C-alpha atoms as a PDB file:
ATOM      1  CA  UNK A   1       0.118  -0.030   0.139  1.00  0.00           C
ATOM      2  CA  UNK A   2       1.165   3.522  -0.775  1.00  0.00           C
ATOM      3  CA  UNK A   3      -0.413   6.120   1.396  1.00  0.00           C
ATOM      4  CA  UNK A   4      -0.087   9.767  -0.026  1.00  0.00           C
ATOM      5  CA  UNK A   5      -0.415  11.217   3.378  1.00  0.00           C
ATOM      6  CA  UNK A   6       2.205   9.271   4.847  1.00  0.00           C
ATOM      7  CA  UNK A   7       4.735   9.946   1.931  1.00  0.00           C
ATOM      8  CA  UNK A   8       4.014  13.458   2.070  1.00  0.00           C
ATOM      9  CA  UNK A   9       4.376  13.867   5.509  1.00  0.00           C
ATOM     10  CA  UNK A  10       7.775  12.354   5.581  1.00  0.00           C
ATOM     11  CA  UNK A  11       9.196  14.141   2.582  1.00  0.00           C
ATOM     12  CA  UNK A  12       7.585  17.352   3.400  1.00  0.00           C
ATOM     13  CA  UNK A  13       7.234  18.052   7.021  1.00  0.00           C
ATOM     14  CA  UNK A  14       6.003  21.466   7.919  1.00  0.00           C
ATOM     15  CA  UNK A  15       5.891  22.438   4.331  1.00  0.00           C
ATOM     16  CA  UNK A  16       2.033  21.807   3.281  1.00  0.00           C
ATOM     17  CA  UNK A  17      -0.039  24.576   5.075  1.00  0.00           C
ATOM     18  CA  UNK A  18      -2.713  25.039   2.560  1.00  0.00           C
ATOM     19  CA  UNK A  19      -4.309  23.805  -0.565  1.00  0.00           C
ATOM     20  CA  UNK A  20      -1.472  25.595  -3.210  1.00  0.00           C
ATOM     21  CA  UNK A  21       1.303  23.944  -1.125  1.00  0.00           C
ATOM     22  CA  UNK A  22      -0.621  20.433  -0.938  1.00  0.00           C
ATOM     23  CA  UNK A  23      -1.145  20.487  -4.624  1.00  0.00           C
ATOM     24  CA  UNK A  24       2.436  21.694  -5.319  1.00  0.00           C
ATOM     25  CA  UNK A  25       3.877  18.501  -3.661  1.00  0.00           C
ATOM     26  CA  UNK A  26       1.559  16.296  -4.204  1.00  0.00           C
ATOM     27  CA  UNK A  27       2.168  16.802  -7.829  1.00  0.00           C
ATOM     28  CA  UNK A  28       5.818  16.155  -7.441  1.00  0.00           C
ATOM     29  CA  UNK A  29       5.215  12.993  -5.167  1.00  0.00           C
ATOM     30  CA  UNK A  30       2.943  11.658  -8.244  1.00  0.00           C
ATOM     31  CA  UNK A  31       5.247  11.888 -10.706  1.00  0.00           C
ATOM     32  CA  UNK A  32       7.566   9.823  -9.118  1.00  0.00           C
ATOM     33  CA  UNK A  33       4.952   7.338  -7.753  1.00  0.00           C
ATOM     34  CA  UNK A  34       3.424   6.829 -11.354  1.00  0.00           C
ATOM     35  CA  UNK A  35       6.590   5.246 -12.491  1.00  0.00           C
ATOM     36  CA  UNK A  36       7.139   3.249  -9.428  1.00  0.00           C
ATOM     37  CA  UNK A  37       3.707   1.823  -9.722  1.00  0.00           C
ATOM     38  CA  UNK A  38       3.971   0.996 -13.203  1.00  0.00           C
ATOM     39  CA  UNK A  39       7.364  -0.888 -12.592  1.00  0.00           C
ATOM     40  CA  UNK A  40       5.607  -2.826  -9.585  1.00  0.00           C
ATOM     41  CA  UNK A  41       2.534  -3.839 -11.644  1.00  0.00           C
ATOM     42  CA  UNK A  42       4.958  -5.009 -14.449  1.00  0.00           C
ATOM     43  CA  UNK A  43       6.489  -7.233 -12.068  1.00  0.00           C
ATOM     44  CA  UNK A  44       2.838  -8.595 -11.413  1.00  0.00           C
ATOM     45  CA  UNK A  45       2.478  -7.439  -7.772  1.00  0.00           C
ATOM     46  CA  UNK A  46      -0.607  -6.136  -6.371  1.00  0.00           C
ATOM     47  CA  UNK A  47      -0.676  -2.241  -5.772  1.00  0.00           C
ATOM     48  CA  UNK A  48      -2.862  -0.325  -3.261  1.00  0.00           C
ATOM     49  CA  UNK A  49      -3.009   3.177  -3.703  1.00  0.00           C
ATOM     50  CA  UNK A  50      -4.463   5.055  -0.827  1.00  0.00           C
ATOM     51  CA  UNK A  51      -4.703   8.733  -2.713  1.00  0.00           C
ATOM     52  CA  UNK A  52      -7.643  10.995  -2.952  1.00  0.00           C
ATOM     53  CA  UNK A  53      -9.750  10.898  -6.077  1.00  0.00           C
ATOM     54  CA  UNK A  54     -12.704  13.137  -5.312  1.00  0.00           C
ATOM     55  CA  UNK A  55     -11.921  15.284  -8.335  1.00  0.00           C
ATOM     56  CA  UNK A  56     -11.824  14.520 -11.983  1.00  0.00           C
ATOM     57  CA  UNK A  57      -8.301  15.317 -12.394  1.00  0.00           C
ATOM     58  CA  UNK A  58      -7.225  12.743  -9.562  1.00  0.00           C
ATOM     59  CA  UNK A  59      -9.134  10.258 -11.175  1.00  0.00           C
ATOM     60  CA  UNK A  60      -7.613  11.046 -14.485  1.00  0.00           C
ATOM     61  CA  UNK A  61      -4.133   9.864 -12.923  1.00  0.00           C
ATOM     62  CA  UNK A  62      -5.654   6.525 -11.643  1.00  0.00           C
ATOM     63  CA  UNK A  63      -7.106   5.926 -14.826  1.00  0.00           C
ATOM     64  CA  UNK A  64      -3.753   6.948 -16.709  1.00  0.00           C
ATOM     65  CA  UNK A  65      -1.624   4.203 -14.451  1.00  0.00           C
ATOM     66  CA  UNK A  66      -3.884   1.718 -15.064  1.00  0.00           C
ATOM     67  CA  UNK A  67      -4.352   1.877 -18.815  1.00  0.00           C
ATOM     68  CA  UNK A  68      -0.455   2.107 -18.886  1.00  0.00           C
ATOM     69  CA  UNK A  69       0.072  -0.806 -16.831  1.00  0.00           C
ATOM     70  CA  UNK A  70      -3.056  -2.662 -18.721  1.00  0.00           C
ATOM     71  CA  UNK A  71      -3.960  -3.618 -15.071  1.00  0.00           C
ATOM     72  CA  UNK A  72      -6.643  -5.105 -13.450  1.00  0.00           C
ATOM     73  CA  UNK A  73      -8.166  -2.687 -10.804  1.00  0.00           C
ATOM     74  CA  UNK A  74     -10.929  -2.420  -8.162  1.00  0.00           C
ATOM     75  CA  UNK A  75     -11.966   0.716  -7.110  1.00  0.00           C
ATOM     76  CA  UNK A  76     -13.000   1.233  -3.596  1.00  0.00           C
ATOM     77  CA  UNK A  77     -14.772   4.412  -2.348  1.00  0.00           C
ATOM     78  CA  UNK A  78     -16.268   5.918   0.443  1.00  0.00           C
ATOM     79  CA  UNK A  79     -20.359   7.580   0.076  1.00  0.00           C
ATOM     80  CA  UNK A  80     -20.348  10.215   2.242  1.00  0.00           C
ATOM     81  CA  UNK A  81     -21.688  13.582   2.372  1.00  0.00           C
ATOM     82  CA  UNK A  82     -19.512  16.544   2.401  1.00  0.00           C
ATOM     83  CA  UNK A  83     -20.360  17.666   5.939  1.00  0.00           C
ATOM     84  CA  UNK A  84     -19.730  14.276   7.282  1.00  0.00           C
ATOM     85  CA  UNK A  85     -16.121  14.101   5.326  1.00  0.00           C
ATOM     86  CA  UNK A  86     -15.381  17.841   6.860  1.00  0.00           C
ATOM     87  CA  UNK A  87     -16.208  16.504  10.223  1.00  0.00           C
END
């Protein structure tokens, strides 16, 4: 399992303080993670990505990896209201 929160907190401690800095560092991380995940999938390994997918752009990133790898995939999601998620 590869968790965005874990990687970002380890790589950029105290550097993410708003949405713009999150987007900056998340984008950097995704570039590295994409190639790493493709390599793992090419070796026949199972990969679990714990990354957000609540925007269309985020879902495009997931789809691009799956399509490049021609990988079978399963999407799990939580169906919850905005207010519940924010709480």
